[in-house]
Amino acid sequence: MKKVVMEYRVPYADTDQMGVVYYANYLVLFERARNELMRENGYTYKRCEEEGWMLPVVHAELDYKKPAKYDDLLEVTAYVSAQKGVRIEIACEVRRKGESEILVKGFTRHCFVSTETFRPIPPPEAFSNCVD
């Protein structure tokens, strides 16, 4: 799977009383970036459901390095960092556009699950060797 870079302008609603991005809102950015990663690689969540599987989050971690602020233009990079068996890990890095310093990095771990049985299943063929 090819990595994707998504831009996001920080709205006031994403900041706390001190004007910085509230840490939990980064997890929302991870979710949006993961959705774009899936879409750019031909797998919308609608398609996954039609094929009979879903990809719930089973673990999430983020390393908060430095805050973003209201009206910052961020770049969120998402890519598959690991895939083994029924699990896949999608890493994200958040930077201000045009800067190299990472503000937040982390990952979400997912499990391929049948929509019929709600049990883990082997990944679809497109995901069997998708680490960059």
Protein backbone atom coordinates (compact mmCIF):
# COMPACT_ATOMS: atom_id res chain seq x y z
CA MET A 1 0.00 0.00 0.00
CA LYS A 2 1.29 3.42 -0.84
CA LYS A 3 1.44 5.98 1.96
CA VAL A 4 -0.79 9.04 1.90
CA VAL A 5 -0.38 12.59 3.13
CA MET A 6 -3.53 14.42 4.18
CA GLU A 7 -3.75 18.15 4.93
CA TYR A 8 -5.82 19.44 7.82
CA ARG A 9 -6.40 23.04 8.96
CA VAL A 10 -6.83 23.14 12.77
CA PRO A 11 -10.23 24.63 13.69
CA TYR A 12 -10.80 26.43 16.97
CA ALA A 13 -13.00 23.52 18.12
CA ASP A 14 -9.93 21.22 18.17
CA THR A 15 -8.08 23.36 20.71
CA ASP A 16 -8.19 23.53 24.48
CA GLN A 17 -8.38 26.66 26.66
CA MET A 18 -4.68 27.34 26.05
CA GLY A 19 -5.17 27.37 22.27
CA VAL A 20 -3.33 24.13 21.50
CA VAL A 21 -4.69 20.98 19.91
CA TYR A 22 -6.19 18.72 22.55
CA TYR A 23 -4.30 15.41 22.50
CA ALA A 24 -7.37 13.22 21.86
CA ASN A 25 -8.09 15.16 18.66
CA TYR A 26 -4.92 13.66 17.20
CA LEU A 27 -6.61 10.27 17.37
CA VAL A 28 -9.39 11.73 15.23
CA LEU A 29 -6.72 12.81 12.72
CA PHE A 30 -5.30 9.28 12.79
CA GLU A 31 -8.79 7.99 11.96
CA ARG A 32 -9.21 10.42 9.07
CA ALA A 33 -5.75 9.64 7.70
CA ARG A 34 -6.44 5.89 7.94
CA ASN A 35 -9.66 6.40 6.00
CA GLU A 36 -7.73 8.29 3.28
CA LEU A 37 -5.07 5.57 3.21
CA MET A 38 -7.73 2.93 2.66
CA ARG A 39 -9.53 5.04 0.04
CA GLU A 40 -6.35 5.90 -1.91
CA ASN A 41 -5.50 2.21 -2.05
CA GLY A 42 -8.93 1.21 -3.36
CA TYR A 43 -10.65 0.15 -0.14
CA THR A 44 -13.44 2.35 1.16
CA TYR A 45 -15.08 1.13 4.33
CA LYS A 46 -18.23 0.58 2.28
CA ARG A 47 -16.34 -1.80 0.00
CA CYS A 48 -14.95 -3.67 3.03
CA GLU A 49 -18.45 -4.15 4.41
CA GLU A 50 -19.68 -5.35 1.00
CA GLU A 51 -16.84 -7.91 0.96
CA GLY A 52 -17.84 -9.09 4.44
CA TRP A 53 -15.11 -7.75 6.68
CA MET A 54 -14.31 -4.82 8.92
CA LEU A 55 -11.18 -3.40 10.49
CA PRO A 56 -11.84 -2.27 14.08
CA VAL A 57 -9.16 -0.59 16.18
CA VAL A 58 -7.84 -2.96 18.85
CA HIS A 59 -5.00 -0.75 20.13
CA ALA A 60 -3.87 2.86 19.71
CA GLU A 61 -0.73 4.70 20.79
CA LEU A 62 0.48 8.21 20.24
CA ASP A 63 3.64 10.04 21.23
CA TYR A 64 2.81 13.72 21.75
CA LYS A 65 5.99 15.72 21.04
CA LYS A 66 4.83 19.30 20.51
CA PRO A 67 1.44 20.99 20.19
CA ALA A 68 -0.22 22.29 17.08
CA LYS A 69 -2.23 25.48 17.42
CA TYR A 70 -5.38 27.00 16.05
CA ASP A 71 -5.21 27.63 12.28
CA ASP A 72 -2.02 25.58 11.75
CA LEU A 73 -2.03 23.71 8.46
CA LEU A 74 -1.00 20.16 9.29
CA GLU A 75 0.20 17.28 7.16
CA VAL A 76 -0.79 13.86 8.42
CA THR A 77 1.14 10.98 6.87
CA ALA A 78 -0.36 7.49 7.14
CA TYR A 79 1.17 4.19 6.08
CA VAL A 80 1.07 0.50 6.92
CA SER A 81 3.94 -0.12 9.34
CA ALA A 82 3.31 -3.80 10.11
CA GLN A 83 1.06 -6.66 9.06
CA LYS A 84 1.09 -10.10 10.57
CA GLY A 85 -1.65 -12.68 10.46
CA VAL A 86 -5.04 -11.10 11.14
CA ARG A 87 -3.53 -7.83 12.42
CA ILE A 88 -2.39 -4.70 10.67
CA GLU A 89 -0.71 -1.60 12.09
CA ILE A 90 -1.17 1.82 10.53
CA ALA A 91 1.34 4.48 11.54
CA CYS A 92 0.70 8.22 11.46
CA GLU A 93 2.98 11.23 11.71
CA VAL A 94 1.70 14.79 12.13
CA ARG A 95 3.74 17.85 11.10
CA ARG A 96 3.04 21.47 10.26
CA LYS A 97 2.97 21.79 6.47
CA GLY A 98 6.42 22.45 5.11
CA GLU A 99 8.22 21.56 8.35
CA SER A 100 10.14 18.39 9.13
CA GLU A 101 9.61 18.36 12.92
CA ILE A 102 7.12 15.72 14.03
CA LEU A 103 4.45 17.04 16.39
CA VAL A 104 2.80 13.69 17.06
CA LYS A 105 3.51 10.18 15.90
CA GLY A 106 1.83 6.92 16.69
CA PHE A 107 -0.15 4.03 15.33
CA THR A 108 -3.44 2.20 15.45
CA ARG A 109 -3.55 -1.60 15.42
CA HIS A 110 -6.49 -3.33 13.76
CA CYS A 111 -7.81 -6.83 13.33
CA PHE A 112 -9.53 -8.14 10.22
CA VAL A 113 -12.96 -9.32 11.41
CA SER A 114 -15.84 -11.03 9.63
CA THR A 115 -19.03 -8.93 9.54
CA GLU A 116 -21.01 -12.16 9.73
CA THR A 117 -19.33 -13.99 12.64
CA PHE A 118 -17.48 -11.10 14.32
CA ARG A 119 -14.44 -13.36 14.52
CA PRO A 120 -10.92 -12.65 13.22
CA ILE A 121 -10.33 -13.70 9.61
CA PRO A 122 -7.30 -13.80 7.31
CA PRO A 123 -6.74 -10.49 5.53
CA PRO A 124 -8.02 -10.02 1.99
CA GLU A 125 -5.33 -10.76 -0.59
CA ALA A 126 -4.62 -7.05 -1.17
CA PHE A 127 -3.52 -6.79 2.45
CA SER A 128 -1.40 -9.93 2.69
CA ASN A 129 1.84 -8.12 1.83
CA CYS A 130 1.13 -4.41 2.14
CA VAL A 131 4.01 -3.07 4.25
CA ASP A 132 6.09 -0.46 2.41
